[in-house]
């Protein structure tokens, strides 16, 4: 029985660094995608307006995801790592605004700290 409690505690304690690492990897990948997309070698010269519109759509979508991931990364705590990991599953964090997401993970971190 004690070994189960210890194992669970160890698993929970190691979740925050893992979640932080996942967030960091996703952020780096999005930054790489932005750099590749904006590289002049990847732009075709056939229709500049269409290419620009596609680039801006990509940029807006990617920047939103990047901002949300940075918010999650900033608020990773042991007390809310499981919630953040759940938000990363199937990219459900994208369903929230920056303010909603920050309030959610921030409040959860504070609630868990103050109830213990």
Protein backbone atom coordinates (compact mmCIF):
# COMPACT_ATOMS: atom_id res chain seq x y z
CA UNK A 1 0.00 0.00 0.00
CA UNK A 2 2.77 2.47 0.92
CA UNK A 3 4.60 1.72 -2.32
CA UNK A 4 1.49 2.65 -4.30
CA UNK A 5 1.21 5.99 -2.53
CA UNK A 6 4.91 6.68 -2.99
CA UNK A 7 4.79 5.75 -6.68
CA UNK A 8 1.74 7.96 -7.26
CA UNK A 9 3.39 10.85 -5.43
CA UNK A 10 6.58 10.44 -7.47
CA UNK A 11 4.60 10.30 -10.71
CA UNK A 12 2.68 13.45 -9.81
CA UNK A 13 5.84 15.22 -8.71
CA UNK A 14 7.54 14.49 -12.02
CA UNK A 15 4.58 15.61 -14.16
CA UNK A 16 5.35 19.35 -14.15
CA UNK A 17 8.83 19.05 -15.72
CA UNK A 18 7.41 16.68 -18.33
CA UNK A 19 4.58 19.07 -19.19
CA UNK A 20 7.05 21.96 -19.29
CA UNK A 21 9.20 19.99 -21.72
CA UNK A 22 6.22 19.19 -23.94
CA UNK A 23 5.23 22.86 -24.02
CA UNK A 24 8.78 23.93 -24.78
CA UNK A 25 8.98 21.45 -27.68
CA UNK A 26 5.68 22.63 -29.13
CA UNK A 27 6.75 26.27 -28.88
CA UNK A 28 10.04 25.53 -30.60
CA UNK A 29 8.23 23.65 -33.37
CA UNK A 30 5.80 26.53 -33.99
CA UNK A 31 8.65 29.02 -34.06
CA UNK A 32 10.43 26.79 -36.58
CA UNK A 33 7.29 26.62 -38.74
CA UNK A 34 6.98 30.41 -38.70
CA UNK A 35 10.62 30.83 -39.71
CA UNK A 36 10.29 28.30 -42.52
CA UNK A 37 7.07 29.85 -43.77
CA UNK A 38 8.56 33.35 -43.86
CA UNK A 39 11.81 32.25 -45.49
CA UNK A 40 11.99 33.94 -48.90
CA UNK A 41 13.11 30.66 -50.50
CA UNK A 42 9.71 29.16 -49.64
CA UNK A 43 7.70 31.92 -51.28
CA UNK A 44 6.60 31.34 -54.84
CA UNK A 45 6.32 34.39 -57.06
CA UNK A 46 3.23 33.44 -59.07
CA UNK A 47 0.53 35.26 -57.15
CA UNK A 48 1.90 37.57 -54.48
CA UNK A 49 -1.49 38.60 -53.12
CA UNK A 50 -2.69 35.03 -52.68
CA UNK A 51 0.62 33.97 -51.15
CA UNK A 52 0.48 36.94 -48.78
CA UNK A 53 -3.09 36.11 -47.72
CA UNK A 54 -2.15 32.48 -47.07
CA UNK A 55 0.90 33.59 -45.15
CA UNK A 56 -1.15 35.92 -42.95
CA UNK A 57 -3.73 33.23 -42.22
CA UNK A 58 -0.94 30.85 -41.25
CA UNK A 59 0.76 33.54 -39.16
CA UNK A 60 -2.40 34.50 -37.26
CA UNK A 61 -3.28 30.89 -36.51
CA UNK A 62 0.24 29.99 -35.47
CA UNK A 63 0.74 33.11 -33.35
CA UNK A 64 -2.47 32.43 -31.43
CA UNK A 65 -1.31 28.88 -30.66
CA UNK A 66 2.14 30.17 -29.73
CA UNK A 67 0.74 32.75 -27.30
CA UNK A 68 -1.50 30.17 -25.64
CA UNK A 69 1.36 27.70 -25.28
CA UNK A 70 3.52 30.42 -23.72
CA UNK A 71 0.77 31.16 -21.19
CA UNK A 72 0.55 27.48 -20.30
CA UNK A 73 4.33 27.23 -20.02
CA UNK A 74 4.46 30.23 -17.72
CA UNK A 75 1.88 28.73 -15.37
CA UNK A 76 3.09 25.13 -15.15
CA UNK A 77 3.09 24.11 -11.50
CA UNK A 78 2.92 20.73 -9.82
CA UNK A 79 -0.61 21.63 -8.75
CA UNK A 80 -1.93 22.20 -12.28
CA UNK A 81 0.36 20.10 -14.50
CA UNK A 82 -2.31 17.43 -15.03
CA UNK A 83 -4.83 20.06 -16.14
CA UNK A 84 -2.34 21.60 -18.57
CA UNK A 85 -1.48 18.17 -19.94
CA UNK A 86 -5.19 17.57 -20.47
CA UNK A 87 -5.48 20.91 -22.30
CA UNK A 88 -2.61 19.86 -24.60
CA UNK A 89 -4.43 16.63 -25.46
CA UNK A 90 -6.03 17.10 -28.88
CA UNK A 91 -5.04 20.78 -28.71
CA UNK A 92 -8.10 21.67 -26.63
CA UNK A 93 -6.24 24.74 -25.30
CA UNK A 94 -6.99 26.34 -28.67
CA UNK A 95 -10.67 26.56 -27.69
CA UNK A 96 -9.90 29.28 -25.14
CA UNK A 97 -8.94 32.91 -25.32
CA UNK A 98 -5.69 34.05 -23.73
CA UNK A 99 -7.54 35.49 -20.72
CA UNK A 100 -9.72 32.42 -20.22
CA UNK A 101 -6.76 30.08 -20.40
CA UNK A 102 -4.61 32.10 -18.04
CA UNK A 103 -7.41 32.45 -15.50
CA UNK A 104 -8.13 28.74 -15.68
CA UNK A 105 -4.60 27.51 -15.02
CA UNK A 106 -3.72 30.33 -12.64
CA UNK A 107 -6.81 29.81 -10.49
CA UNK A 108 -6.29 26.06 -10.48
CA UNK A 109 -2.69 26.50 -9.33
CA UNK A 110 -3.75 28.84 -6.52
CA UNK A 111 -6.77 26.72 -5.50
CA UNK A 112 -4.68 23.58 -5.12
CA UNK A 113 -1.95 25.38 -3.20
CA UNK A 114 -4.38 26.98 -0.73
CA UNK A 115 -6.41 23.81 -0.12
CA UNK A 116 -3.34 21.76 0.86
